[in-house]
Amino acid sequence: GEGGGGSGGSGTGNFPYTWYVHTVRKKLDANWNVTSGFNARIFTQVAFTIQRDGSLKDIEVEQTSNNEIFDKAALRAVEYCNPLPPLPGDFQESNLRVHVRFTVKK
């Protein structure tokens, strides 16, 4: 293909370590089990910071679903991932801010 763009919708900006993002996504997915009981279009966006050692902090709802139960489930899915693998050794920053959108699983 030309240019090889793509949206890379994980919200990690210019973070080039796809294997790391994939690991994070897999862990989040494993902890996110909401498949029914909510409107199919409901979503909440959660932001969190991954420290160099992989521990998480500043986990917060960035965009509420206006449903407290759904929001809490999303926060819990992130908390259950703590800690994640340490950030890649050659990643320059001291931490990584991640934004994840949670929707009802098909």
PDB file of N, CA and C in Angstrom:
ATOM      1  N   GLY A   1       0.808  -1.216   0.000  1.00  0.00           N
ATOM      2  CA  GLY A   1       0.000   0.000   0.000  1.00  0.00           C
ATOM      3  C   GLY A   1       0.835   1.255   0.000  1.00  0.00           C
ATOM      4  N   GLU A   2       0.206   2.352  -0.315  1.00  0.00           N
ATOM      5  CA  GLU A   2       0.906   3.635  -0.309  1.00  0.00           C
ATOM      6  C   GLU A   2       0.964   4.215   1.100  1.00  0.00           C
ATOM      7  N   GLY A   3       2.125   4.680   1.499  1.00  0.00           N
ATOM      8  CA  GLY A   3       2.249   5.437   2.738  1.00  0.00           C
ATOM      9  C   GLY A   3       2.003   4.667   4.022  1.00  0.00           C
ATOM     10  N   GLY A   4       1.157   3.666   3.997  1.00  0.00           N
ATOM     11  CA  GLY A   4       0.928   2.850   5.177  1.00  0.00           C
ATOM     12  C   GLY A   4       0.455   3.611   6.390  1.00  0.00           C
ATOM     13  N   GLY A   5      -0.505   4.516   6.225  1.00  0.00           N
ATOM     14  CA  GLY A   5      -1.011   5.286   7.356  1.00  0.00           C
ATOM     15  C   GLY A   5      -1.856   4.450   8.285  1.00  0.00           C
ATOM     16  N   GLY A   6      -3.132   4.768   8.364  1.00  0.00           N
ATOM     17  CA  GLY A   6      -4.006   4.042   9.275  1.00  0.00           C
ATOM     18  C   GLY A   6      -4.251   4.876  10.510  1.00  0.00           C
ATOM     19  N   SER A   7      -5.395   4.690  11.136  1.00  0.00           N
ATOM     20  CA  SER A   7      -5.771   5.573  12.232  1.00  0.00           C
ATOM     21  C   SER A   7      -5.041   5.210  13.517  1.00  0.00           C
ATOM     22  N   GLY A   8      -4.690   3.944  13.702  1.00  0.00           N
ATOM     23  CA  GLY A   8      -4.048   3.543  14.959  1.00  0.00           C
ATOM     24  C   GLY A   8      -4.830   4.022  16.155  1.00  0.00           C
ATOM     25  N   GLY A   9      -6.104   3.719  16.209  1.00  0.00           N
ATOM     26  CA  GLY A   9      -7.013   4.361  17.144  1.00  0.00           C
ATOM     27  C   GLY A   9      -6.819   4.068  18.618  1.00  0.00           C
ATOM     28  N   SER A  10      -5.626   3.714  19.038  1.00  0.00           N
ATOM     29  CA  SER A  10      -5.437   3.438  20.461  1.00  0.00           C
ATOM     30  C   SER A  10      -5.191   4.714  21.257  1.00  0.00           C
ATOM     31  N   GLY A  11      -5.045   5.857  20.597  1.00  0.00           N
ATOM     32  CA  GLY A  11      -4.903   7.113  21.314  1.00  0.00           C
ATOM     33  C   GLY A  11      -3.579   7.255  22.028  1.00  0.00           C
ATOM     34  N   THR A  12      -2.522   6.622  21.498  1.00  0.00           N
ATOM     35  CA  THR A  12      -1.223   6.765  22.138  1.00  0.00           C
ATOM     36  C   THR A  12      -0.332   7.713  21.348  1.00  0.00           C
ATOM     37  N   GLY A  13      -0.929   8.471  20.428  1.00  0.00           N
ATOM     38  CA  GLY A  13      -0.169   9.485  19.709  1.00  0.00           C
ATOM     39  C   GLY A  13       0.930   8.874  18.872  1.00  0.00           C
ATOM     40  N   ASN A  14       2.131   9.402  19.006  1.00  0.00           N
ATOM     41  CA  ASN A  14       3.247   8.968  18.156  1.00  0.00           C
ATOM     42  C   ASN A  14       4.065   7.871  18.820  1.00  0.00           C
ATOM     43  N   PHE A  15       3.425   7.035  19.576  1.00  0.00           N
ATOM     44  CA  PHE A  15       4.108   5.949  20.279  1.00  0.00           C
ATOM     45  C   PHE A  15       4.318   4.812  19.287  1.00  0.00           C
ATOM     46  N   PRO A  16       5.577   4.538  18.895  1.00  0.00           N
ATOM     47  CA  PRO A  16       5.832   3.633  17.775  1.00  0.00           C
ATOM     48  C   PRO A  16       5.875   2.140  18.131  1.00  0.00           C
ATOM     49  N   TYR A  17       5.670   1.816  19.384  1.00  0.00           N
ATOM     50  CA  TYR A  17       5.879   0.423  19.806  1.00  0.00           C
ATOM     51  C   TYR A  17       4.571  -0.352  19.710  1.00  0.00           C
ATOM     52  N   THR A  18       4.252  -0.814  18.500  1.00  0.00           N
ATOM     53  CA  THR A  18       2.961  -1.470  18.300  1.00  0.00           C
ATOM     54  C   THR A  18       2.828  -2.720  19.154  1.00  0.00           C
ATOM     55  N   TRP A  19       3.927  -3.448  19.358  1.00  0.00           N
ATOM     56  CA  TRP A  19       3.857  -4.667  20.183  1.00  0.00           C
ATOM     57  C   TRP A  19       3.422  -4.324  21.603  1.00  0.00           C
ATOM     58  N   TYR A  20       3.871  -3.163  22.089  1.00  0.00           N
ATOM     59  CA  TYR A  20       3.508  -2.779  23.455  1.00  0.00           C
ATOM     60  C   TYR A  20       2.027  -2.397  23.520  1.00  0.00           C
ATOM     61  N   VAL A  21       1.595  -1.609  22.544  1.00  0.00           N
ATOM     62  CA  VAL A  21       0.187  -1.225  22.473  1.00  0.00           C
ATOM     63  C   VAL A  21      -0.689  -2.470  22.364  1.00  0.00           C
ATOM     64  N   HIS A  22      -0.238  -3.441  21.576  1.00  0.00           N
ATOM     65  CA  HIS A  22      -0.982  -4.682  21.400  1.00  0.00           C
ATOM     66  C   HIS A  22      -1.111  -5.426  22.735  1.00  0.00           C
ATOM     67  N   THR A  23      -0.028  -5.466  23.489  1.00  0.00           N
ATOM     68  CA  THR A  23      -0.041  -6.107  24.804  1.00  0.00           C
ATOM     69  C   THR A  23      -1.039  -5.419  25.736  1.00  0.00           C
ATOM     70  N   VAL A  24      -1.013  -4.090  25.735  1.00  0.00           N
ATOM     71  CA  VAL A  24      -1.935  -3.323  26.580  1.00  0.00           C
ATOM     72  C   VAL A  24      -3.375  -3.617  26.182  1.00  0.00           C
ATOM     73  N   ARG A  25      -3.637  -3.594  24.873  1.00  0.00           N
ATOM     74  CA  ARG A  25      -4.993  -3.855  24.383  1.00  0.00           C
ATOM     75  C   ARG A  25      -5.470  -5.247  24.782  1.00  0.00           C
ATOM     76  N   LYS A  26      -4.576  -6.239  24.656  1.00  0.00           N
ATOM     77  CA  LYS A  26      -4.961  -7.606  24.990  1.00  0.00           C
ATOM     78  C   LYS A  26      -5.301  -7.732  26.469  1.00  0.00           C
ATOM     79  N   LYS A  27      -4.504  -7.085  27.315  1.00  0.00           N
ATOM     80  CA  LYS A  27      -4.779  -7.141  28.756  1.00  0.00           C
ATOM     81  C   LYS A  27      -6.092  -6.442  29.084  1.00  0.00           C
ATOM     82  N   LEU A  28      -6.317  -5.280  28.483  1.00  0.00           N
ATOM     83  CA  LEU A  28      -7.565  -4.559  28.717  1.00  0.00           C
ATOM     84  C   LEU A  28      -8.748  -5.402  28.261  1.00  0.00           C
ATOM     85  N   ASP A  29      -8.606  -5.991  27.088  1.00  0.00           N
ATOM     86  CA  ASP A  29      -9.693  -6.786  26.529  1.00  0.00           C
ATOM     87  C   ASP A  29     -10.022  -7.977  27.425  1.00  0.00           C
ATOM     88  N   ALA A  30      -8.991  -8.575  28.001  1.00  0.00           N
ATOM     89  CA  ALA A  30      -9.190  -9.733  28.866  1.00  0.00           C
ATOM     90  C   ALA A  30      -9.966  -9.354  30.129  1.00  0.00           C
ATOM     91  N   ASN A  31      -9.840  -8.089  30.546  1.00  0.00           N
ATOM     92  CA  ASN A  31     -10.489  -7.634  31.774  1.00  0.00           C
ATOM     93  C   ASN A  31     -11.806  -6.920  31.517  1.00  0.00           C
ATOM     94  N   TRP A  32     -12.171  -6.779  30.256  1.00  0.00           N
ATOM     95  CA  TRP A  32     -13.395  -6.051  29.906  1.00  0.00           C
ATOM     96  C   TRP A  32     -14.421  -7.064  29.406  1.00  0.00           C
ATOM     97  N   ASN A  33     -15.433  -7.317  30.203  1.00  0.00           N
ATOM     98  CA  ASN A  33     -16.367  -8.400  29.904  1.00  0.00           C
ATOM     99  C   ASN A  33     -17.812  -7.937  29.776  1.00  0.00           C
ATOM    100  N   VAL A  34     -18.012  -6.638  29.517  1.00  0.00           N
ATOM    101  CA  VAL A  34     -19.376  -6.135  29.399  1.00  0.00           C
ATOM    102  C   VAL A  34     -19.907  -6.449  28.004  1.00  0.00           C
ATOM    103  N   THR A  35     -20.822  -7.418  27.930  1.00  0.00           N
ATOM    104  CA  THR A  35     -21.328  -7.851  26.630  1.00  0.00           C
ATOM    105  C   THR A  35     -22.812  -7.527  26.450  1.00  0.00           C
ATOM    106  N   SER A  36     -23.483  -7.176  27.530  1.00  0.00           N
ATOM    107  CA  SER A  36     -24.917  -6.915  27.414  1.00  0.00           C
ATOM    108  C   SER A  36     -25.361  -6.085  28.612  1.00  0.00           C
ATOM    109  N   GLY A  37     -26.643  -5.761  28.611  1.00  0.00           N
ATOM    110  CA  GLY A  37     -27.201  -5.018  29.733  1.00  0.00           C
ATOM    111  C   GLY A  37     -27.119  -3.514  29.555  1.00  0.00           C
ATOM    112  N   PHE A  38     -26.527  -3.075  28.447  1.00  0.00           N
ATOM    113  CA  PHE A  38     -26.420  -1.641  28.178  1.00  0.00           C
ATOM    114  C   PHE A  38     -26.812  -1.372  26.730  1.00  0.00           C
ATOM    115  N   ASN A  39     -27.135  -0.133  26.449  1.00  0.00           N
ATOM    116  CA  ASN A  39     -27.354   0.303  25.085  1.00  0.00           C
ATOM    117  C   ASN A  39     -26.115  -0.002  24.258  1.00  0.00           C
ATOM    118  N   ALA A  40     -26.306  -0.529  23.053  1.00  0.00           N
ATOM    119  CA  ALA A  40     -25.168  -0.940  22.219  1.00  0.00           C
ATOM    120  C   ALA A  40     -24.261   0.231  21.870  1.00  0.00           C
ATOM    121  N   ARG A  41     -24.800   1.450  21.911  1.00  0.00           N
ATOM    122  CA  ARG A  41     -23.998   2.608  21.500  1.00  0.00           C
ATOM    123  C   ARG A  41     -23.297   3.289  22.669  1.00  0.00           C
ATOM    124  N   ILE A  42     -23.485   2.771  23.870  1.00  0.00           N
ATOM    125  CA  ILE A  42     -22.871   3.405  25.041  1.00  0.00           C
ATOM    126  C   ILE A  42     -21.348   3.273  24.974  1.00  0.00           C
ATOM    127  N   PHE A  43     -20.648   4.296  25.414  1.00  0.00           N
ATOM    128  CA  PHE A  43     -19.203   4.176  25.538  1.00  0.00           C
ATOM    129  C   PHE A  43     -18.709   5.107  26.629  1.00  0.00           C
ATOM    130  N   THR A  44     -17.559   4.785  27.148  1.00  0.00           N
ATOM    131  CA  THR A  44     -16.886   5.672  28.079  1.00  0.00           C
ATOM    132  C   THR A  44     -15.420   5.702  27.690  1.00  0.00           C
ATOM    133  N   GLN A  45     -14.781   6.847  27.881  1.00  0.00           N
ATOM    134  CA  GLN A  45     -13.353   6.933  27.582  1.00  0.00           C
ATOM    135  C   GLN A  45     -12.578   7.114  28.879  1.00  0.00           C
ATOM    136  N   VAL A  46     -11.586   6.251  29.064  1.00  0.00           N
ATOM    137  CA  VAL A  46     -10.772   6.264  30.272  1.00  0.00           C
ATOM    138  C   VAL A  46      -9.347   6.649  29.884  1.00  0.00           C
ATOM    139  N   ALA A  47      -8.742   7.507  30.692  1.00  0.00           N
ATOM    140  CA  ALA A  47      -7.345   7.870  30.486  1.00  0.00           C
ATOM    141  C   ALA A  47      -6.535   7.369  31.669  1.00  0.00           C
ATOM    142  N   PHE A  48      -5.293   6.950  31.399  1.00  0.00           N
ATOM    143  CA  PHE A  48      -4.414   6.534  32.483  1.00  0.00           C
ATOM    144  C   PHE A  48      -2.964   6.737  32.058  1.00  0.00           C
ATOM    145  N   THR A  49      -2.093   6.764  33.040  1.00  0.00           N
ATOM    146  CA  THR A  49      -0.674   6.975  32.792  1.00  0.00           C
ATOM    147  C   THR A  49       0.091   5.706  33.144  1.00  0.00           C
ATOM    148  N   ILE A  50       0.911   5.253  32.203  1.00  0.00           N
ATOM    149  CA  ILE A  50       1.780   4.101  32.456  1.00  0.00           C
ATOM    150  C   ILE A  50       3.160   4.637  32.817  1.00  0.00           C
ATOM    151  N   GLN A  51       3.642   4.269  33.995  1.00  0.00           N
ATOM    152  CA  GLN A  51       4.975   4.672  34.430  1.00  0.00           C
ATOM    153  C   GLN A  51       6.036   3.790  33.767  1.00  0.00           C
ATOM    154  N   ARG A  52       7.292   4.185  33.901  1.00  0.00           N
ATOM    155  CA  ARG A  52       8.372   3.408  33.283  1.00  0.00           C
ATOM    156  C   ARG A  52       8.352   1.947  33.702  1.00  0.00           C
ATOM    157  N   ASP A  53       8.017   1.682  34.971  1.00  0.00           N
ATOM    158  CA  ASP A  53       8.047   0.296  35.460  1.00  0.00           C
ATOM    159  C   ASP A  53       6.772  -0.462  35.126  1.00  0.00           C
ATOM    160  N   GLY A  54       5.837   0.189  34.416  1.00  0.00           N
ATOM    161  CA  GLY A  54       4.611  -0.466  34.011  1.00  0.00           C
ATOM    162  C   GLY A  54       3.453  -0.244  34.975  1.00  0.00           C
ATOM    163  N   SER A  55       3.722   0.378  36.117  1.00  0.00           N
ATOM    164  CA  SER A  55       2.618   0.621  37.048  1.00  0.00           C
ATOM    165  C   SER A  55       1.743   1.767  36.526  1.00  0.00           C
ATOM    166  N   LEU A  56       0.464   1.704  36.882  1.00  0.00           N
ATOM    167  CA  LEU A  56      -0.502   2.672  36.375  1.00  0.00           C
ATOM    168  C   LEU A  56      -0.833   3.704  37.427  1.00  0.00           C
ATOM    169  N   LYS A  57      -1.073   4.932  36.978  1.00  0.00           N
ATOM    170  CA  LYS A  57      -1.565   5.960  37.889  1.00  0.00           C
ATOM    171  C   LYS A  57      -2.484   6.910  37.129  1.00  0.00           C
ATOM    172  N   ASP A  58      -3.166   7.755  37.884  1.00  0.00           N
ATOM    173  CA  ASP A  58      -4.060   8.761  37.310  1.00  0.00           C
ATOM    174  C   ASP A  58      -5.097   8.142  36.372  1.00  0.00           C
ATOM    175  N   ILE A  59      -5.697   7.050  36.832  1.00  0.00           N
ATOM    176  CA  ILE A  59      -6.752   6.409  36.052  1.00  0.00           C
ATOM    177  C   ILE A  59      -8.028   7.209  36.258  1.00  0.00           C
ATOM    178  N   GLU A  60      -8.609   7.712  35.169  1.00  0.00           N
ATOM    179  CA  GLU A  60      -9.795   8.555  35.320  1.00  0.00           C
ATOM    180  C   GLU A  60     -10.695   8.451  34.103  1.00  0.00           C
ATOM    181  N   VAL A  61     -11.970   8.703  34.341  1.00  0.00           N
ATOM    182  CA  VAL A  61     -12.933   8.756  33.243  1.00  0.00           C
ATOM    183  C   VAL A  61     -12.770  10.103  32.550  1.00  0.00           C
ATOM    184  N   GLU A  62     -12.454  10.059  31.267  1.00  0.00           N
ATOM    185  CA  GLU A  62     -12.228  11.267  30.491  1.00  0.00           C
ATOM    186  C   GLU A  62     -13.524  11.718  29.821  1.00  0.00           C
ATOM    187  N   GLN A  63     -14.320  10.741  29.445  1.00  0.00           N
ATOM    188  CA  GLN A  63     -15.602  11.028  28.827  1.00  0.00           C
ATOM    189  C   GLN A  63     -16.598  10.038  29.395  1.00  0.00           C
ATOM    190  N   THR A  64     -17.529  10.530  30.189  1.00  0.00           N
ATOM    191  CA  THR A  64     -18.434   9.631  30.880  1.00  0.00           C
ATOM    192  C   THR A  64     -19.510   9.091  29.952  1.00  0.00           C
ATOM    193  N   SER A  65     -19.977   7.896  30.259  1.00  0.00           N
ATOM    194  CA  SER A  65     -21.085   7.296  29.516  1.00  0.00           C
ATOM    195  C   SER A  65     -22.418   7.767  30.105  1.00  0.00           C
ATOM    196  N   ASN A  66     -22.341   8.552  31.186  1.00  0.00           N
ATOM    197  CA  ASN A  66     -23.522   8.941  31.961  1.00  0.00           C
ATOM    198  C   ASN A  66     -24.193   7.739  32.613  1.00  0.00           C
ATOM    199  N   ASN A  67     -23.446   6.654  32.735  1.00  0.00           N
ATOM    200  CA  ASN A  67     -23.939   5.479  33.455  1.00  0.00           C
ATOM    201  C   ASN A  67     -22.831   5.060  34.412  1.00  0.00           C
ATOM    202  N   GLU A  68     -23.092   5.260  35.684  1.00  0.00           N
ATOM    203  CA  GLU A  68     -22.050   5.060  36.690  1.00  0.00           C
ATOM    204  C   GLU A  68     -21.510   3.635  36.692  1.00  0.00           C
ATOM    205  N   ILE A  69     -22.409   2.662  36.489  1.00  0.00           N
ATOM    206  CA  ILE A  69     -21.993   1.260  36.511  1.00  0.00           C
ATOM    207  C   ILE A  69     -21.038   0.971  35.349  1.00  0.00           C
ATOM    208  N   PHE A  70     -21.386   1.492  34.176  1.00  0.00           N
ATOM    209  CA  PHE A  70     -20.554   1.274  32.989  1.00  0.00           C
ATOM    210  C   PHE A  70     -19.187   1.937  33.171  1.00  0.00           C
ATOM    211  N   ASP A  71     -19.192   3.179  33.661  1.00  0.00           N
ATOM    212  CA  ASP A  71     -17.938   3.894  33.907  1.00  0.00           C
ATOM    213  C   ASP A  71     -17.056   3.126  34.898  1.00  0.00           C
ATOM    214  N   LYS A  72     -17.672   2.671  35.984  1.00  0.00           N
ATOM    215  CA  LYS A  72     -16.897   1.956  37.000  1.00  0.00           C
ATOM    216  C   LYS A  72     -16.315   0.657  36.450  1.00  0.00           C
ATOM    217  N   ALA A  73     -17.079  -0.019  35.599  1.00  0.00           N
ATOM    218  CA  ALA A  73     -16.585  -1.257  34.994  1.00  0.00           C
ATOM    219  C   ALA A  73     -15.356  -0.966  34.132  1.00  0.00           C
ATOM    220  N   ALA A  74     -15.385   0.142  33.411  1.00  0.00           N
ATOM    221  CA  ALA A  74     -14.253   0.516  32.561  1.00  0.00           C
ATOM    222  C   ALA A  74     -13.020   0.843  33.415  1.00  0.00           C
ATOM    223  N   LEU A  75     -13.230   1.587  34.495  1.00  0.00           N
ATOM    224  CA  LEU A  75     -12.126   1.906  35.403  1.00  0.00           C
ATOM    225  C   LEU A  75     -11.537   0.630  35.987  1.00  0.00           C
ATOM    226  N   ARG A  76     -12.416  -0.281  36.362  1.00  0.00           N
ATOM    227  CA  ARG A  76     -11.954  -1.528  36.969  1.00  0.00           C
ATOM    228  C   ARG A  76     -11.146  -2.349  35.959  1.00  0.00           C
ATOM    229  N   ALA A  77     -11.584  -2.359  34.704  1.00  0.00           N
ATOM    230  CA  ALA A  77     -10.853  -3.107  33.676  1.00  0.00           C
ATOM    231  C   ALA A  77      -9.418  -2.602  33.575  1.00  0.00           C
ATOM    232  N   VAL A  78      -9.249  -1.282  33.691  1.00  0.00           N
ATOM    233  CA  VAL A  78      -7.899  -0.708  33.649  1.00  0.00           C
ATOM    234  C   VAL A  78      -7.136  -1.075  34.919  1.00  0.00           C
ATOM    235  N   GLU A  79      -7.795  -0.932  36.072  1.00  0.00           N
ATOM    236  CA  GLU A  79      -7.115  -1.222  37.342  1.00  0.00           C
ATOM    237  C   GLU A  79      -6.634  -2.669  37.406  1.00  0.00           C
ATOM    238  N   TYR A  80      -7.415  -3.582  36.838  1.00  0.00           N
ATOM    239  CA  TYR A  80      -7.023  -4.995  36.844  1.00  0.00           C
ATOM    240  C   TYR A  80      -5.785  -5.245  36.004  1.00  0.00           C
ATOM    241  N   CYS A  81      -5.427  -4.316  35.120  1.00  0.00           N
ATOM    242  CA  CYS A  81      -4.228  -4.471  34.273  1.00  0.00           C
ATOM    243  C   CYS A  81      -2.957  -4.047  34.999  1.00  0.00           C
ATOM    244  N   ASN A  82      -3.121  -3.442  36.150  1.00  0.00           N
ATOM    245  CA  ASN A  82      -1.984  -2.887  36.869  1.00  0.00           C
ATOM    246  C   ASN A  82      -1.234  -3.985  37.625  1.00  0.00           C
ATOM    247  N   PRO A  83       0.067  -4.176  37.399  1.00  0.00           N
ATOM    248  CA  PRO A  83       0.899  -3.385  36.487  1.00  0.00           C
ATOM    249  C   PRO A  83       0.935  -3.980  35.078  1.00  0.00           C
ATOM    250  N   LEU A  84       1.226  -3.121  34.114  1.00  0.00           N
ATOM    251  CA  LEU A  84       1.485  -3.545  32.750  1.00  0.00           C
ATOM    252  C   LEU A  84       2.983  -3.801  32.611  1.00  0.00           C
ATOM    253  N   PRO A  85       3.418  -4.348  31.466  1.00  0.00           N
ATOM    254  CA  PRO A  85       4.866  -4.512  31.283  1.00  0.00           C
ATOM    255  C   PRO A  85       5.561  -3.149  31.336  1.00  0.00           C
ATOM    256  N   PRO A  86       6.818  -3.119  31.749  1.00  0.00           N
ATOM    257  CA  PRO A  86       7.551  -1.842  31.756  1.00  0.00           C
ATOM    258  C   PRO A  86       7.563  -1.230  30.356  1.00  0.00           C
ATOM    259  N   LEU A  87       7.614   0.086  30.291  1.00  0.00           N
ATOM    260  CA  LEU A  87       7.675   0.765  28.996  1.00  0.00           C
ATOM    261  C   LEU A  87       8.944   0.334  28.250  1.00  0.00           C
ATOM    262  N   PRO A  88       8.911   0.368  26.912  1.00  0.00           N
ATOM    263  CA  PRO A  88      10.084  -0.046  26.135  1.00  0.00           C
ATOM    264  C   PRO A  88      11.333   0.730  26.550  1.00  0.00           C
ATOM    265  N   GLY A  89      12.462   0.025  26.619  1.00  0.00           N
ATOM    266  CA  GLY A  89      13.691   0.618  27.125  1.00  0.00           C
ATOM    267  C   GLY A  89      14.149   1.856  26.385  1.00  0.00           C
ATOM    268  N   ASP A  90      13.920   1.902  25.066  1.00  0.00           N
ATOM    269  CA  ASP A  90      14.409   3.060  24.323  1.00  0.00           C
ATOM    270  C   ASP A  90      13.339   4.137  24.149  1.00  0.00           C
ATOM    271  N   PHE A  91      12.211   3.986  24.837  1.00  0.00           N
ATOM    272  CA  PHE A  91      11.191   5.040  24.835  1.00  0.00           C
ATOM    273  C   PHE A  91      11.694   6.169  25.727  1.00  0.00           C
ATOM    274  N   GLN A  92      11.738   7.386  25.182  1.00  0.00           N
ATOM    275  CA  GLN A  92      12.432   8.485  25.861  1.00  0.00           C
ATOM    276  C   GLN A  92      11.683   9.071  27.062  1.00  0.00           C
ATOM    277  N   GLU A  93      10.357   9.065  26.986  1.00  0.00           N
ATOM    278  CA  GLU A  93       9.582   9.755  28.025  1.00  0.00           C
ATOM    279  C   GLU A  93       9.582   8.981  29.341  1.00  0.00           C
ATOM    280  N   SER A  94       9.245   9.693  30.418  1.00  0.00           N
ATOM    281  CA  SER A  94       9.216   9.035  31.729  1.00  0.00           C
ATOM    282  C   SER A  94       7.917   8.273  31.946  1.00  0.00           C
ATOM    283  N   ASN A  95       6.892   8.584  31.146  1.00  0.00           N
ATOM    284  CA  ASN A  95       5.644   7.837  31.250  1.00  0.00           C
ATOM    285  C   ASN A  95       4.865   7.986  29.949  1.00  0.00           C
ATOM    286  N   LEU A  96       3.766   7.255  29.855  1.00  0.00           N
ATOM    287  CA  LEU A  96       2.937   7.279  28.653  1.00  0.00           C
ATOM    288  C   LEU A  96       1.488   7.469  29.065  1.00  0.00           C
ATOM    289  N   ARG A  97       0.855   8.497  28.510  1.00  0.00           N
ATOM    290  CA  ARG A  97      -0.562   8.739  28.776  1.00  0.00           C
ATOM    291  C   ARG A  97      -1.382   8.032  27.699  1.00  0.00           C
ATOM    292  N   VAL A  98      -2.327   7.219  28.141  1.00  0.00           N
ATOM    293  CA  VAL A  98      -3.112   6.416  27.211  1.00  0.00           C
ATOM    294  C   VAL A  98      -4.593   6.764  27.359  1.00  0.00           C
ATOM    295  N   HIS A  99      -5.291   6.793  26.244  1.00  0.00           N
ATOM    296  CA  HIS A  99      -6.726   7.078  26.233  1.00  0.00           C
ATOM    297  C   HIS A  99      -7.421   5.909  25.560  1.00  0.00           C
ATOM    298  N   VAL A 100      -8.332   5.273  26.291  1.00  0.00           N
ATOM    299  CA  VAL A 100      -8.985   4.076  25.774  1.00  0.00           C
ATOM    300  C   VAL A 100     -10.489   4.246  25.827  1.00  0.00           C
ATOM    301  N   ARG A 101     -11.133   3.886  24.712  1.00  0.00           N
ATOM    302  CA  ARG A 101     -12.588   3.948  24.654  1.00  0.00           C
ATOM    303  C   ARG A 101     -13.150   2.541  24.885  1.00  0.00           C
ATOM    304  N   PHE A 102     -14.088   2.443  25.810  1.00  0.00           N
ATOM    305  CA  PHE A 102     -14.729   1.167  26.112  1.00  0.00           C
ATOM    306  C   PHE A 102     -16.146   1.164  25.565  1.00  0.00           C
ATOM    307  N   THR A 103     -16.482   0.138  24.815  1.00  0.00           N
ATOM    308  CA  THR A 103     -17.833  -0.031  24.296  1.00  0.00           C
ATOM    309  C   THR A 103     -18.319  -1.428  24.675  1.00  0.00           C
ATOM    310  N   VAL A 104     -19.597  -1.681  24.514  1.00  0.00           N
ATOM    311  CA  VAL A 104     -20.147  -2.998  24.810  1.00  0.00           C
ATOM    312  C   VAL A 104     -19.538  -3.999  23.828  1.00  0.00           C
ATOM    313  N   LYS A 105     -19.025  -5.083  24.371  1.00  0.00           N
ATOM    314  CA  LYS A 105     -18.399  -6.115  23.519  1.00  0.00           C
ATOM    315  C   LYS A 105     -19.445  -6.849  22.703  1.00  0.00           C
ATOM    316  N   LYS A 106     -19.133  -7.074  21.439  1.00  0.00           N
ATOM    317  CA  LYS A 106     -20.040  -7.835  20.575  1.00  0.00           C
ATOM    318  C   LYS A 106     -20.008  -9.313  20.976  1.00  0.00           C
TER     319      LYS A 106
END
